Protein backbone atom coordinates (compact mmCIF):
# COMPACT_ATOMS: atom_id res chain seq x y z
CA MET A 1 0.00 0.00 0.00
CA ASN A 2 2.92 2.38 0.71
CA TYR A 3 4.25 1.77 -2.82
CA TYR A 4 0.79 2.39 -4.24
CA ASN A 5 0.39 5.67 -2.32
CA ALA A 6 3.85 6.80 -3.37
CA PHE A 7 3.10 6.24 -7.04
CA ILE A 8 -0.29 7.95 -6.69
CA ARG A 9 1.56 11.04 -5.43
CA LYS A 10 3.94 10.80 -8.38
CA GLU A 11 0.98 10.64 -10.81
CA PHE A 12 -0.67 13.60 -9.10
CA LEU A 13 2.46 15.74 -9.31
CA GLU A 14 2.91 14.81 -12.97
CA LEU A 15 -0.67 15.90 -13.72
CA LEU A 16 0.04 19.25 -12.11
CA ARG A 17 3.32 19.63 -13.99
CA THR A 18 2.01 18.72 -17.44
CA LYS A 19 -1.28 20.66 -17.03
CA LYS A 20 -3.24 17.66 -18.32
CA TRP A 21 -5.79 18.15 -15.56
CA LEU A 22 -6.35 21.72 -16.73
CA ILE A 23 -7.09 20.60 -20.30
CA ILE A 24 -9.62 18.03 -19.08
CA PHE A 25 -11.36 20.38 -16.65
CA ILE A 26 -11.62 23.19 -19.23
CA VAL A 27 -13.20 20.83 -21.77
CA PHE A 28 -15.72 19.49 -19.26
CA PHE A 29 -16.52 22.99 -17.99
CA PHE A 30 -17.12 24.04 -21.58
CA ILE A 31 -19.49 21.08 -22.06
CA GLY A 32 -21.41 22.00 -18.92
CA CYS A 33 -21.88 25.56 -20.18
CA LEU A 34 -22.49 24.76 -23.83
CA SER A 35 -25.09 21.99 -23.52
CA PRO A 36 -27.97 24.05 -22.01
CA LEU A 37 -27.18 27.02 -24.24
CA MET A 38 -27.32 24.83 -27.35
CA ALA A 39 -30.64 23.35 -26.23
CA LYS A 40 -32.05 26.82 -25.58
CA MET A 41 -30.81 28.53 -28.74
CA THR A 42 -31.16 25.75 -31.35
CA PRO A 43 -34.87 26.43 -32.13
CA GLN A 44 -34.17 30.16 -32.53
CA LEU A 45 -31.17 29.51 -34.77
CA LEU A 46 -33.16 27.14 -36.98
CA GLU A 47 -35.95 29.71 -37.35
CA SER A 48 -33.44 32.37 -38.38
CA PHE A 49 -32.29 30.25 -41.33
CA TYR A 50 -35.78 30.02 -42.84
CA PRO A 51 -37.21 32.76 -45.09
CA ASN A 52 -39.66 35.16 -43.45
CA ASN A 53 -42.47 34.11 -45.80
CA LEU A 54 -42.32 30.52 -44.53
CA SER A 55 -43.91 29.62 -41.22
CA LEU A 56 -41.87 27.22 -39.13
CA ARG A 57 -43.21 25.83 -35.88
CA LEU A 58 -40.58 24.24 -33.74
CA PRO A 59 -41.22 22.71 -30.33
CA VAL A 60 -40.28 24.86 -27.38
CA SER A 61 -37.05 23.70 -25.77
CA LYS A 62 -37.32 22.06 -22.35
CA ALA A 63 -34.97 21.18 -19.52
CA ILE A 64 -34.77 17.60 -20.76
CA ASP A 65 -33.29 18.91 -24.03
CA SER A 66 -30.42 20.40 -22.05
CA TRP A 67 -29.68 17.01 -20.49
CA ARG A 68 -29.93 15.30 -23.86
CA GLU A 69 -27.23 17.64 -25.15
CA PHE A 70 -25.13 17.01 -22.06
CA PHE A 71 -25.26 13.22 -22.35
CA LYS A 72 -24.42 13.51 -26.04
CA ASN A 73 -21.52 15.95 -25.65
CA VAL A 74 -19.72 14.25 -22.75
CA PRO A 75 -19.02 10.97 -24.61
CA GLN A 76 -18.38 12.63 -27.97
CA LEU A 77 -16.14 15.44 -26.75
CA GLY A 78 -15.18 14.93 -23.11
CA LEU A 79 -14.26 11.27 -23.20
CA SER A 80 -12.62 11.66 -26.60
CA VAL A 81 -10.28 14.31 -25.18
CA MET A 82 -9.51 12.10 -22.17
CA VAL A 83 -8.60 9.18 -24.43
CA ILE A 84 -6.31 11.36 -26.54
CA VAL A 85 -4.61 12.91 -23.50
CA PHE A 86 -4.05 9.62 -21.65
CA CYS A 87 -3.66 7.07 -24.45
CA GLY A 88 0.09 6.92 -23.76
CA THR A 89 -0.10 6.85 -19.99
CA VAL A 90 1.88 3.59 -19.68
CA SER A 91 3.73 3.37 -23.01
CA ASN A 92 5.23 6.85 -22.63
CA GLU A 93 6.63 5.91 -19.22
CA VAL A 94 8.22 2.80 -20.72
CA LEU A 95 9.70 4.71 -23.66
CA LYS A 96 11.13 7.46 -21.45
CA LYS A 97 12.31 4.90 -18.86
CA THR A 98 10.88 7.03 -16.05
CA LEU A 99 9.80 3.90 -14.18
CA VAL A 100 13.27 2.41 -13.85
CA ASN A 101 14.13 4.19 -10.60
CA PHE A 102 10.79 3.26 -9.03
CA LEU A 103 10.97 -0.40 -10.04
CA THR A 104 14.60 -0.85 -8.98
CA LYS A 105 13.68 0.53 -5.54
CA GLY A 106 11.10 -2.20 -5.07
CA LEU A 107 7.91 -0.73 -6.53
CA PRO A 108 5.67 -3.68 -7.52
CA ARG A 109 4.68 -3.48 -11.15
CA GLN A 110 1.00 -3.98 -10.37
CA SER A 111 1.12 -0.78 -8.29
CA VAL A 112 1.90 1.17 -11.47
CA ILE A 113 -1.22 -0.08 -13.23
CA LEU A 114 -3.46 0.24 -10.18
CA ALA A 115 -2.27 3.77 -9.42
CA LYS A 116 -2.72 4.93 -13.01
CA MET A 117 -6.21 3.43 -13.23
CA SER A 118 -7.17 4.99 -9.89
CA MET A 119 -5.94 8.40 -11.01
CA LEU A 120 -7.82 8.20 -14.32
CA ILE A 121 -11.04 7.22 -12.57
CA LEU A 122 -10.58 10.09 -10.11
CA ILE A 123 -10.04 12.63 -12.88
CA TRP A 124 -13.00 11.25 -14.84
CA THR A 125 -15.27 11.34 -11.79
CA LEU A 126 -14.32 14.89 -10.75
CA SER A 127 -14.60 16.16 -14.32
CA LEU A 128 -17.99 14.54 -14.83
CA VAL A 129 -19.38 15.77 -11.51
CA GLY A 130 -18.07 19.27 -12.18
CA SER A 131 -19.52 19.39 -15.67
CA PHE A 132 -22.80 17.96 -14.40
CA SER A 133 -22.98 20.65 -11.71
CA VAL A 134 -22.38 23.46 -14.20
CA ASN A 135 -25.01 22.02 -16.55
CA TYR A 136 -27.44 21.68 -13.63
CA VAL A 137 -27.01 25.33 -12.58
CA TYR A 138 -27.51 26.59 -16.13
CA THR A 139 -30.51 24.31 -16.68
CA ILE A 140 -32.43 25.36 -13.57
CA SER A 141 -31.65 28.99 -14.42
CA LEU A 142 -32.91 28.79 -18.00
CA TRP A 143 -35.88 26.50 -17.32
CA LYS A 144 -37.22 27.53 -13.93
CA GLY A 145 -39.67 25.07 -12.42
CA GLU A 146 -38.71 22.20 -14.72
CA ALA A 147 -37.00 19.18 -13.22
CA VAL A 148 -35.72 15.94 -14.74
CA LEU A 149 -35.82 13.46 -11.88
CA THR A 150 -34.30 10.55 -13.80
CA VAL A 151 -31.03 12.29 -14.66
CA GLY A 152 -29.16 10.33 -11.97
CA ALA A 153 -29.71 7.01 -13.75
CA ALA A 154 -28.28 8.31 -17.03
CA LEU A 155 -25.36 9.89 -15.15
CA PHE A 156 -24.46 6.60 -13.46
CA LEU A 157 -24.43 4.65 -16.73
CA LEU A 158 -22.36 7.37 -18.38
CA TRP A 159 -19.85 7.23 -15.54
CA LEU A 160 -19.69 3.44 -15.80
CA PHE A 161 -19.04 3.63 -19.55
CA GLY A 162 -16.19 6.04 -18.84
CA VAL A 163 -14.65 3.57 -16.40
CA VAL A 164 -14.90 0.79 -19.01
CA LEU A 165 -13.28 2.99 -21.62
CA LEU A 166 -10.47 4.06 -19.28
CA GLY A 167 -9.77 0.40 -18.56
CA VAL A 168 -9.35 -0.10 -22.30
CA VAL A 169 -7.06 2.95 -22.40
CA ILE A 170 -4.82 1.43 -19.73
CA LEU A 171 -4.81 -1.97 -21.45
CA GLY A 172 -4.06 -0.49 -24.86
CA SER A 173 -1.30 1.70 -23.49
CA THR A 174 0.24 -1.33 -21.77
CA ILE A 175 0.10 -3.65 -24.78
CA MET A 176 1.12 -1.10 -27.40
CA SER A 177 4.53 0.52 -27.51
CA SER A 178 3.37 4.06 -28.32
CA ALA A 179 0.57 6.49 -27.65
CA TYR A 180 -0.60 6.16 -31.26
CA GLY A 181 -0.85 2.41 -30.85
CA GLY A 182 -2.88 2.87 -27.68
CA LEU A 183 -5.19 5.26 -29.50
CA LEU A 184 -5.72 2.73 -32.30
CA PHE A 185 -6.43 0.05 -29.70
CA VAL A 186 -9.20 2.17 -28.15
CA GLY A 187 -10.49 3.00 -31.64
CA GLY A 188 -10.68 -0.71 -32.40
CA PHE A 189 -12.69 -1.30 -29.23
CA ILE A 190 -15.17 1.44 -30.16
CA GLY A 191 -15.33 0.07 -33.71
CA VAL A 192 -16.30 -3.38 -32.45
CA CYS A 193 -18.99 -1.83 -30.24
CA LEU A 194 -20.36 0.12 -33.24
CA ILE A 195 -20.53 -3.05 -35.32
CA MET A 196 -22.42 -4.75 -32.49
CA ASN A 197 -25.11 -2.05 -32.77
CA ILE A 198 -26.69 -3.99 -35.61
CA LEU A 199 -27.40 -6.94 -33.32
CA PRO A 200 -30.73 -7.23 -31.45
CA ASN A 201 -31.00 -6.74 -27.68
CA GLN A 202 -27.66 -4.93 -27.66
CA ARG A 203 -28.31 -3.40 -24.25
CA TYR A 204 -27.46 -6.76 -22.74
CA PHE A 205 -23.90 -6.89 -24.06
CA ASN A 206 -22.91 -3.73 -25.97
CA PHE A 207 -21.14 -1.17 -23.80
CA LEU A 208 -22.29 1.66 -26.07
CA ALA A 209 -25.83 0.99 -24.82
CA LEU A 210 -24.72 2.60 -21.55
CA ILE A 211 -24.65 5.99 -23.30
CA SER A 212 -26.76 5.57 -26.44
CA ASN A 213 -30.08 5.17 -24.59
CA SER A 214 -29.78 8.15 -22.25
CA SER A 215 -32.93 9.75 -23.74
CA ALA A 216 -35.01 6.72 -22.75
CA LEU A 217 -33.63 6.94 -19.22
CA LEU A 218 -34.32 10.68 -19.03
CA GLU A 219 -37.88 10.17 -20.26
CA GLY A 220 -38.45 7.36 -17.77
CA THR A 221 -39.27 4.73 -20.39
CA GLN A 222 -36.26 2.72 -19.18
CA VAL A 223 -34.71 2.28 -15.73
CA VAL A 224 -31.28 1.29 -14.48
CA SER A 225 -32.46 -2.23 -13.63
CA ASP A 226 -33.01 -2.83 -17.36
CA TYR A 227 -29.23 -2.70 -17.68
CA ALA A 228 -28.41 -4.97 -14.73
CA PHE A 229 -26.64 -7.56 -16.86
CA LEU A 230 -24.68 -4.94 -18.80
CA ILE A 231 -23.68 -3.22 -15.56
CA GLY A 232 -22.30 -6.50 -14.24
CA LEU A 233 -20.56 -7.12 -17.55
CA SER A 234 -19.04 -3.63 -17.44
CA VAL A 235 -17.64 -4.19 -13.96
CA ALA A 236 -16.21 -7.57 -15.01
CA HIS A 237 -14.71 -6.02 -18.17
CA SER A 238 -13.05 -3.24 -16.19
CA VAL A 239 -11.55 -5.72 -13.73
CA CYS A 240 -10.31 -7.91 -16.60
CA SER A 241 -8.76 -4.87 -18.27
CA ILE A 242 -6.78 -4.15 -15.11
CA VAL A 243 -5.78 -7.80 -14.61
CA PHE A 244 -4.59 -8.23 -18.21
CA SER A 245 -2.79 -4.88 -18.03
CA ILE A 246 -0.87 -6.12 -15.01
CA ILE A 247 -0.07 -9.42 -16.77
CA PHE A 248 1.24 -7.70 -19.90
CA PHE A 249 3.10 -5.07 -17.90
CA ASN A 250 4.84 -7.75 -15.83
CA LYS A 251 6.19 -9.23 -19.07
CA LYS A 252 7.42 -5.92 -20.47
CA SER A 253 11.09 -5.11 -20.58
CA ILE A 254 11.62 -1.79 -18.82
C-alpha cells in the first residue's frame, strides 16, 4: 500500500506539472456551459435560417433537451479528449524509462497499473461531476420550475461507460509501444462496439448501450435495472482490463 500511495503522489504531481488536468477540466466545464445554451438557442437559430415568408413551428425547448445535449456531448467530446490525452499513460513511461528508478527501488509493477487506473477514474469522476454541476445550474436557471428526476440514472451509466473505456485505455497503453498504438487500440474497441449495434437486444452486451439510450432513461421509459446484466458485464470487463494490463506489464522489458 505504501508503494501504491507513493506512485499515486507521483501521478498527481505529474498531472500538475504537465497541465493535463487543466485541459480536461476546461473541456468538461465548456461542455457544462455549452449543452444548455445549445438546447435553448437551437430552435431560434433554426428559425433564423428560414425565409420570413415561410412559417416554421418548432417545439419549445425544455430542460430535458439540455440534459440530452449534455449526455451527447460528454461521450463525444469529453471522453474523446480524455482518451487522446491519456492514451500513452503507460507506453510513454516505458519509452522514457521514467519507471526504472521506481521499479529498482522495489515498486511492484501492479502498483503502477493500479495507481494509473485509480488516477484516471478520479479525474473522470471529478470532471464529470463538475460538468454535471455546471449544466445543472444553467438548466435550472434557464428553465425555472422544470425538473428531470431521472437524470441520476443516465449519469451513473455514463460514468460506468467512462470507467470501461479508461480500462481499455490502460490496457491499450500497456500492450502497445506508443501512444498512437494505444489510441488505435481504443479506436478498435469502439469500432467493435459500433458493429455490435446492428445486433438485437444490444443493451445486454454492448457497452455503447450505456450511453446511447440516455434519452429513454431521461424520459423514464427505461430504468437502471433494465441494464443490470450490462452493468455486471461492465464491472467484469473493467476488472479484466486491469488484470490483463498487469499481466502484460509484468512481461514488459523496462
